[in-house]
Structures are given as C-alpha cells and as structure tokens.
Amino acid sequence: MTDFTSAAQRVLDDPRLTPYFHFDHRPPPLPLRNDTGADLDVPALTADGREVTEDGADDHALHVVSWSDEGGHGAMALRYPVEGLSITARLIRDGEVWRVEALDLVER
C-alpha cells in the first residue's frame, strides 16, 4: 500500500465525511478522480465501507486535488462538487500508520 493510498483511506474513513456520500440514495462505488497530475496508485479504497474506484468520469466523483508527503507530514486536498464540498486534511505518519491530524470541510 502506498503512502497516498494509506493516507487517503484514513481521510475517507473519517466519520465527518460519511453524511456527504449519501450511499442510502446513491449506490456505490464512489468514483475517485485524480486531478493532481501525479501518478497516484489508488487500489481498493473504501468510503463508509463501500468500494471507491479510480473511474473519475462520473459526475459524482470525489476529486483528489493535491497530495504531498514531506517527512511524515502529509497534506491532501479533495473536492466533492456534487455536494459543493472542499476537504483539506493534514496528516501525520506514526510509524507505518497515517492519522488525520486536522480535517477542514467547507461547503459552498
């Protein structure tokens, strides 16, 4: 599992995001779109226990805007346009495990 994959999974697992996914009205999987320009390996992520795929053509895609990892400190920005949501996460690596240090959600 790559650092991006591990960190992204931690962010998607955060319970503050669950209400925005609306899996009760929209069937999984949640598509993920890589807007970073980097080659991010995105295998087998889940959101609210449901599959996330890398097919970002769907209007309901969660966009990965940026990802950086500098010495065990990570930063990730995501957009979820269908909900008008911008997500900024700061993460810290504790050994081999990433944890979310701060998660900011902005609705537009």
N, C-alpha and C. Protein backbone atom coordinates (compact mmCIF):
# COMPACT_ATOMS: atom_id res chain seq x y z
N MET A 1 0.85 -1.18 0.00
CA MET A 1 0.00 0.00 0.00
C MET A 1 0.89 1.24 0.00
N THR A 2 0.62 2.17 -0.90
CA THR A 2 1.43 3.39 -0.99
C THR A 2 1.05 4.35 0.13
N ASP A 3 1.92 5.34 0.36
CA ASP A 3 1.60 6.36 1.36
C ASP A 3 0.32 7.09 0.99
N PHE A 4 0.15 7.41 -0.31
CA PHE A 4 -1.08 8.09 -0.72
C PHE A 4 -2.30 7.23 -0.40
N THR A 5 -2.24 5.95 -0.76
CA THR A 5 -3.39 5.06 -0.54
C THR A 5 -3.72 4.96 0.94
N SER A 6 -2.71 4.78 1.75
CA SER A 6 -2.92 4.66 3.19
C SER A 6 -3.50 5.95 3.78
N ALA A 7 -2.94 7.10 3.38
CA ALA A 7 -3.42 8.39 3.89
C ALA A 7 -4.83 8.67 3.39
N ALA A 8 -5.08 8.42 2.10
CA ALA A 8 -6.42 8.66 1.54
C ALA A 8 -7.46 7.80 2.24
N GLN A 9 -7.11 6.56 2.56
CA GLN A 9 -8.06 5.69 3.25
C GLN A 9 -8.41 6.26 4.62
N ARG A 10 -7.42 6.79 5.31
CA ARG A 10 -7.69 7.41 6.62
C ARG A 10 -8.65 8.59 6.49
N VAL A 11 -8.44 9.40 5.46
CA VAL A 11 -9.33 10.55 5.25
C VAL A 11 -10.74 10.07 4.93
N LEU A 12 -10.88 9.11 4.01
CA LEU A 12 -12.21 8.61 3.63
C LEU A 12 -12.92 7.92 4.79
N ASP A 13 -12.15 7.39 5.75
CA ASP A 13 -12.74 6.74 6.92
C ASP A 13 -13.26 7.72 7.96
N ASP A 14 -12.91 8.99 7.82
CA ASP A 14 -13.31 9.96 8.83
C ASP A 14 -14.83 10.08 8.85
N PRO A 15 -15.46 9.88 10.01
CA PRO A 15 -16.92 9.90 10.09
C PRO A 15 -17.57 11.23 9.72
N ARG A 16 -16.81 12.32 9.72
CA ARG A 16 -17.38 13.61 9.34
C ARG A 16 -17.72 13.67 7.85
N LEU A 17 -17.14 12.77 7.05
CA LEU A 17 -17.43 12.76 5.62
C LEU A 17 -18.63 11.88 5.25
N THR A 18 -18.94 10.91 6.07
CA THR A 18 -19.98 9.92 5.75
C THR A 18 -21.30 10.55 5.30
N PRO A 19 -21.81 11.59 5.97
CA PRO A 19 -23.10 12.14 5.55
C PRO A 19 -23.11 12.70 4.13
N TYR A 20 -21.96 13.09 3.61
CA TYR A 20 -21.89 13.69 2.28
C TYR A 20 -21.95 12.65 1.15
N PHE A 21 -21.66 11.40 1.45
CA PHE A 21 -21.60 10.38 0.41
C PHE A 21 -22.99 9.88 0.00
N HIS A 22 -23.98 9.98 0.85
CA HIS A 22 -25.38 9.63 0.55
C HIS A 22 -25.53 8.25 -0.09
N PHE A 23 -24.85 7.26 0.48
CA PHE A 23 -24.95 5.92 -0.08
C PHE A 23 -26.36 5.33 0.05
N ASP A 24 -27.19 5.93 0.91
CA ASP A 24 -28.58 5.47 1.01
C ASP A 24 -29.38 5.87 -0.24
N HIS A 25 -28.93 6.90 -0.97
CA HIS A 25 -29.62 7.35 -2.18
C HIS A 25 -28.82 7.07 -3.45
N ARG A 26 -27.53 6.92 -3.32
CA ARG A 26 -26.65 6.75 -4.47
C ARG A 26 -25.86 5.47 -4.27
N PRO A 27 -25.97 4.55 -5.20
CA PRO A 27 -25.27 3.28 -4.99
C PRO A 27 -23.76 3.44 -5.11
N PRO A 28 -23.01 2.61 -4.36
CA PRO A 28 -21.56 2.61 -4.54
C PRO A 28 -21.24 1.99 -5.89
N PRO A 29 -20.06 2.08 -6.41
CA PRO A 29 -18.88 2.66 -5.78
C PRO A 29 -18.83 4.17 -5.93
N LEU A 30 -18.01 4.78 -5.10
CA LEU A 30 -17.73 6.21 -5.19
C LEU A 30 -16.55 6.39 -6.13
N PRO A 31 -16.73 7.05 -7.27
CA PRO A 31 -15.60 7.24 -8.18
C PRO A 31 -14.62 8.28 -7.65
N LEU A 32 -13.36 8.05 -7.91
CA LEU A 32 -12.30 8.94 -7.47
C LEU A 32 -11.58 9.46 -8.71
N ARG A 33 -11.41 10.76 -8.79
CA ARG A 33 -10.74 11.36 -9.95
C ARG A 33 -9.45 12.02 -9.52
N ASN A 34 -8.36 11.69 -10.17
CA ASN A 34 -7.05 12.23 -9.85
C ASN A 34 -6.82 13.51 -10.66
N ASP A 35 -6.91 14.65 -10.01
CA ASP A 35 -6.66 15.94 -10.65
C ASP A 35 -5.27 16.49 -10.30
N THR A 36 -4.41 15.68 -9.69
CA THR A 36 -3.12 16.16 -9.23
C THR A 36 -2.08 16.23 -10.34
N GLY A 37 -2.27 15.46 -11.39
CA GLY A 37 -1.25 15.35 -12.43
C GLY A 37 -0.19 14.32 -12.10
N ALA A 38 -0.19 13.81 -10.88
CA ALA A 38 0.77 12.78 -10.46
C ALA A 38 0.16 11.41 -10.67
N ASP A 39 1.00 10.41 -10.75
CA ASP A 39 0.55 9.03 -10.89
C ASP A 39 0.29 8.47 -9.50
N LEU A 40 -0.96 8.50 -9.08
CA LEU A 40 -1.33 8.00 -7.76
C LEU A 40 -1.93 6.61 -7.89
N ASP A 41 -1.40 5.69 -7.12
CA ASP A 41 -1.90 4.32 -7.11
C ASP A 41 -3.10 4.27 -6.17
N VAL A 42 -4.26 3.96 -6.70
CA VAL A 42 -5.49 4.02 -5.90
C VAL A 42 -6.20 2.66 -5.89
N PRO A 43 -5.60 1.63 -5.32
CA PRO A 43 -6.27 0.34 -5.29
C PRO A 43 -7.15 0.18 -4.05
N ALA A 44 -8.31 -0.34 -4.24
CA ALA A 44 -9.15 -0.85 -3.15
C ALA A 44 -9.36 0.08 -1.98
N LEU A 45 -9.69 1.34 -2.24
CA LEU A 45 -10.09 2.23 -1.16
C LEU A 45 -11.58 2.02 -0.88
N THR A 46 -12.00 2.37 0.32
CA THR A 46 -13.41 2.31 0.66
C THR A 46 -13.84 3.62 1.30
N ALA A 47 -15.11 3.93 1.17
CA ALA A 47 -15.70 5.08 1.85
C ALA A 47 -16.98 4.56 2.50
N ASP A 48 -17.09 4.74 3.79
CA ASP A 48 -18.23 4.21 4.52
C ASP A 48 -18.40 2.71 4.25
N GLY A 49 -17.28 2.01 4.12
CA GLY A 49 -17.31 0.57 3.89
C GLY A 49 -17.66 0.16 2.48
N ARG A 50 -17.72 1.12 1.56
CA ARG A 50 -18.11 0.83 0.18
C ARG A 50 -16.94 1.09 -0.76
N GLU A 51 -16.93 0.40 -1.86
CA GLU A 51 -15.82 0.49 -2.80
C GLU A 51 -15.66 1.89 -3.41
N VAL A 52 -14.42 2.29 -3.56
CA VAL A 52 -14.07 3.52 -4.28
C VAL A 52 -13.26 3.08 -5.49
N THR A 53 -13.61 3.58 -6.66
CA THR A 53 -12.89 3.21 -7.87
C THR A 53 -12.18 4.42 -8.45
N GLU A 54 -11.25 4.17 -9.36
CA GLU A 54 -10.49 5.26 -9.96
C GLU A 54 -11.10 5.73 -11.27
N ASP A 55 -12.32 5.36 -11.56
CA ASP A 55 -13.01 5.82 -12.76
C ASP A 55 -13.67 7.14 -12.45
N GLY A 56 -12.98 8.23 -12.75
CA GLY A 56 -13.47 9.55 -12.36
C GLY A 56 -14.35 10.24 -13.37
N ALA A 57 -14.90 9.49 -14.34
CA ALA A 57 -15.75 10.10 -15.36
C ALA A 57 -17.13 10.43 -14.81
N ASP A 58 -17.51 9.84 -13.73
CA ASP A 58 -18.83 10.01 -13.12
C ASP A 58 -18.99 11.42 -12.56
N ASP A 59 -20.18 12.00 -12.70
CA ASP A 59 -20.47 13.33 -12.14
C ASP A 59 -20.36 13.36 -10.62
N HIS A 60 -20.47 12.20 -10.00
CA HIS A 60 -20.41 12.13 -8.55
C HIS A 60 -19.01 11.80 -8.03
N ALA A 61 -17.99 12.04 -8.84
CA ALA A 61 -16.62 11.69 -8.45
C ALA A 61 -16.10 12.59 -7.35
N LEU A 62 -15.30 12.01 -6.49
CA LEU A 62 -14.54 12.74 -5.49
C LEU A 62 -13.19 13.06 -6.12
N HIS A 63 -12.85 14.34 -6.21
CA HIS A 63 -11.64 14.78 -6.91
C HIS A 63 -10.48 14.91 -5.93
N VAL A 64 -9.37 14.26 -6.23
CA VAL A 64 -8.14 14.47 -5.47
C VAL A 64 -7.42 15.64 -6.13
N VAL A 65 -7.33 16.76 -5.44
CA VAL A 65 -6.76 17.98 -5.99
C VAL A 65 -5.25 18.04 -5.74
N SER A 66 -4.83 17.63 -4.55
CA SER A 66 -3.40 17.65 -4.25
C SER A 66 -3.07 16.64 -3.15
N TRP A 67 -1.81 16.21 -3.17
CA TRP A 67 -1.27 15.31 -2.15
C TRP A 67 0.21 15.62 -2.01
N SER A 68 0.66 15.81 -0.78
CA SER A 68 2.09 15.97 -0.53
C SER A 68 2.45 15.20 0.72
N ASP A 69 3.67 14.68 0.71
CA ASP A 69 4.21 13.94 1.84
C ASP A 69 5.63 14.42 2.05
N GLU A 70 5.84 15.13 3.14
CA GLU A 70 7.15 15.67 3.43
C GLU A 70 7.59 15.22 4.82
N GLY A 71 8.43 14.21 4.84
CA GLY A 71 8.98 13.74 6.10
C GLY A 71 7.95 13.26 7.10
N GLY A 72 6.94 12.55 6.62
CA GLY A 72 5.93 12.01 7.52
C GLY A 72 4.79 12.95 7.84
N HIS A 73 4.79 14.12 7.23
CA HIS A 73 3.68 15.06 7.37
C HIS A 73 3.01 15.15 6.01
N GLY A 74 1.72 14.83 5.96
CA GLY A 74 1.00 14.83 4.69
C GLY A 74 -0.06 15.90 4.64
N ALA A 75 -0.36 16.31 3.42
CA ALA A 75 -1.45 17.25 3.19
C ALA A 75 -2.21 16.77 1.96
N MET A 76 -3.52 16.78 2.06
CA MET A 76 -4.36 16.32 0.96
C MET A 76 -5.52 17.29 0.80
N ALA A 77 -5.83 17.61 -0.45
CA ALA A 77 -7.00 18.44 -0.74
C ALA A 77 -7.89 17.65 -1.69
N LEU A 78 -9.17 17.67 -1.39
CA LEU A 78 -10.18 16.96 -2.18
C LEU A 78 -11.34 17.89 -2.46
N ARG A 79 -12.04 17.64 -3.54
CA ARG A 79 -13.28 18.36 -3.83
C ARG A 79 -14.35 17.33 -4.14
N TYR A 80 -15.55 17.61 -3.68
CA TYR A 80 -16.70 16.75 -3.98
C TYR A 80 -17.77 17.68 -4.56
N PRO A 81 -17.64 17.99 -5.88
CA PRO A 81 -18.51 19.01 -6.49
C PRO A 81 -20.00 18.75 -6.35
N VAL A 82 -20.42 17.51 -6.41
CA VAL A 82 -21.85 17.23 -6.33
C VAL A 82 -22.45 17.69 -4.99
N GLU A 83 -21.60 17.80 -3.96
CA GLU A 83 -22.04 18.29 -2.66
C GLU A 83 -21.54 19.70 -2.37
N GLY A 84 -20.77 20.29 -3.32
CA GLY A 84 -20.21 21.62 -3.09
C GLY A 84 -19.23 21.63 -1.93
N LEU A 85 -18.49 20.55 -1.77
CA LEU A 85 -17.64 20.36 -0.60
C LEU A 85 -16.16 20.40 -0.98
N SER A 86 -15.39 21.19 -0.24
CA SER A 86 -13.93 21.19 -0.32
C SER A 86 -13.41 20.61 0.98
N ILE A 87 -12.44 19.71 0.87
CA ILE A 87 -11.89 19.00 2.02
C ILE A 87 -10.38 19.23 2.04
N THR A 88 -9.88 19.65 3.18
CA THR A 88 -8.45 19.78 3.37
C THR A 88 -8.08 18.96 4.59
N ALA A 89 -7.11 18.06 4.40
CA ALA A 89 -6.68 17.20 5.50
C ALA A 89 -5.19 17.37 5.74
N ARG A 90 -4.84 17.45 7.01
CA ARG A 90 -3.43 17.38 7.40
C ARG A 90 -3.26 16.06 8.14
N LEU A 91 -2.22 15.34 7.74
CA LEU A 91 -1.99 14.02 8.30
C LEU A 91 -0.57 13.92 8.85
N ILE A 92 -0.39 12.99 9.77
CA ILE A 92 0.94 12.72 10.30
C ILE A 92 1.12 11.22 10.32
N ARG A 93 2.32 10.79 9.95
CA ARG A 93 2.61 9.35 9.94
C ARG A 93 3.20 8.97 11.28
N ASP A 94 2.58 7.99 11.91
CA ASP A 94 3.04 7.46 13.19
C ASP A 94 3.54 6.05 12.91
N GLY A 95 4.84 5.91 12.69
CA GLY A 95 5.38 4.62 12.25
C GLY A 95 4.95 4.35 10.83
N GLU A 96 4.19 3.29 10.62
CA GLU A 96 3.68 2.95 9.30
C GLU A 96 2.25 3.40 9.08
N VAL A 97 1.64 4.01 10.09
CA VAL A 97 0.22 4.35 10.05
C VAL A 97 0.03 5.87 9.94
N TRP A 98 -0.79 6.27 8.98
CA TRP A 98 -1.17 7.68 8.87
C TRP A 98 -2.35 7.95 9.77
N ARG A 99 -2.39 9.13 10.36
CA ARG A 99 -3.59 9.54 11.10
C ARG A 99 -3.93 10.97 10.71
N VAL A 100 -5.22 11.25 10.73
CA VAL A 100 -5.70 12.58 10.37
C VAL A 100 -5.49 13.49 11.56
N GLU A 101 -4.69 14.51 11.35
CA GLU A 101 -4.40 15.48 12.40
C GLU A 101 -5.46 16.59 12.41
N ALA A 102 -5.89 17.01 11.22
CA ALA A 102 -6.91 18.05 11.09
C ALA A 102 -7.68 17.81 9.79
N LEU A 103 -8.96 18.03 9.84
CA LEU A 103 -9.81 17.90 8.66
C LEU A 103 -10.73 19.11 8.60
N ASP A 104 -10.60 19.89 7.53
CA ASP A 104 -11.43 21.07 7.34
C ASP A 104 -12.40 20.82 6.20
N LEU A 105 -13.67 21.06 6.44
CA LEU A 105 -14.72 20.89 5.44
C LEU A 105 -15.34 22.25 5.17
N VAL A 106 -15.42 22.62 3.91
CA VAL A 106 -16.05 23.89 3.52
C VAL A 106 -17.11 23.58 2.49
N GLU A 107 -18.34 23.94 2.82
CA GLU A 107 -19.46 23.77 1.89
C GLU A 107 -19.69 25.08 1.14
N ARG A 108 -19.95 24.95 -0.16
CA ARG A 108 -20.21 26.15 -0.96
C ARG A 108 -21.61 26.12 -1.49
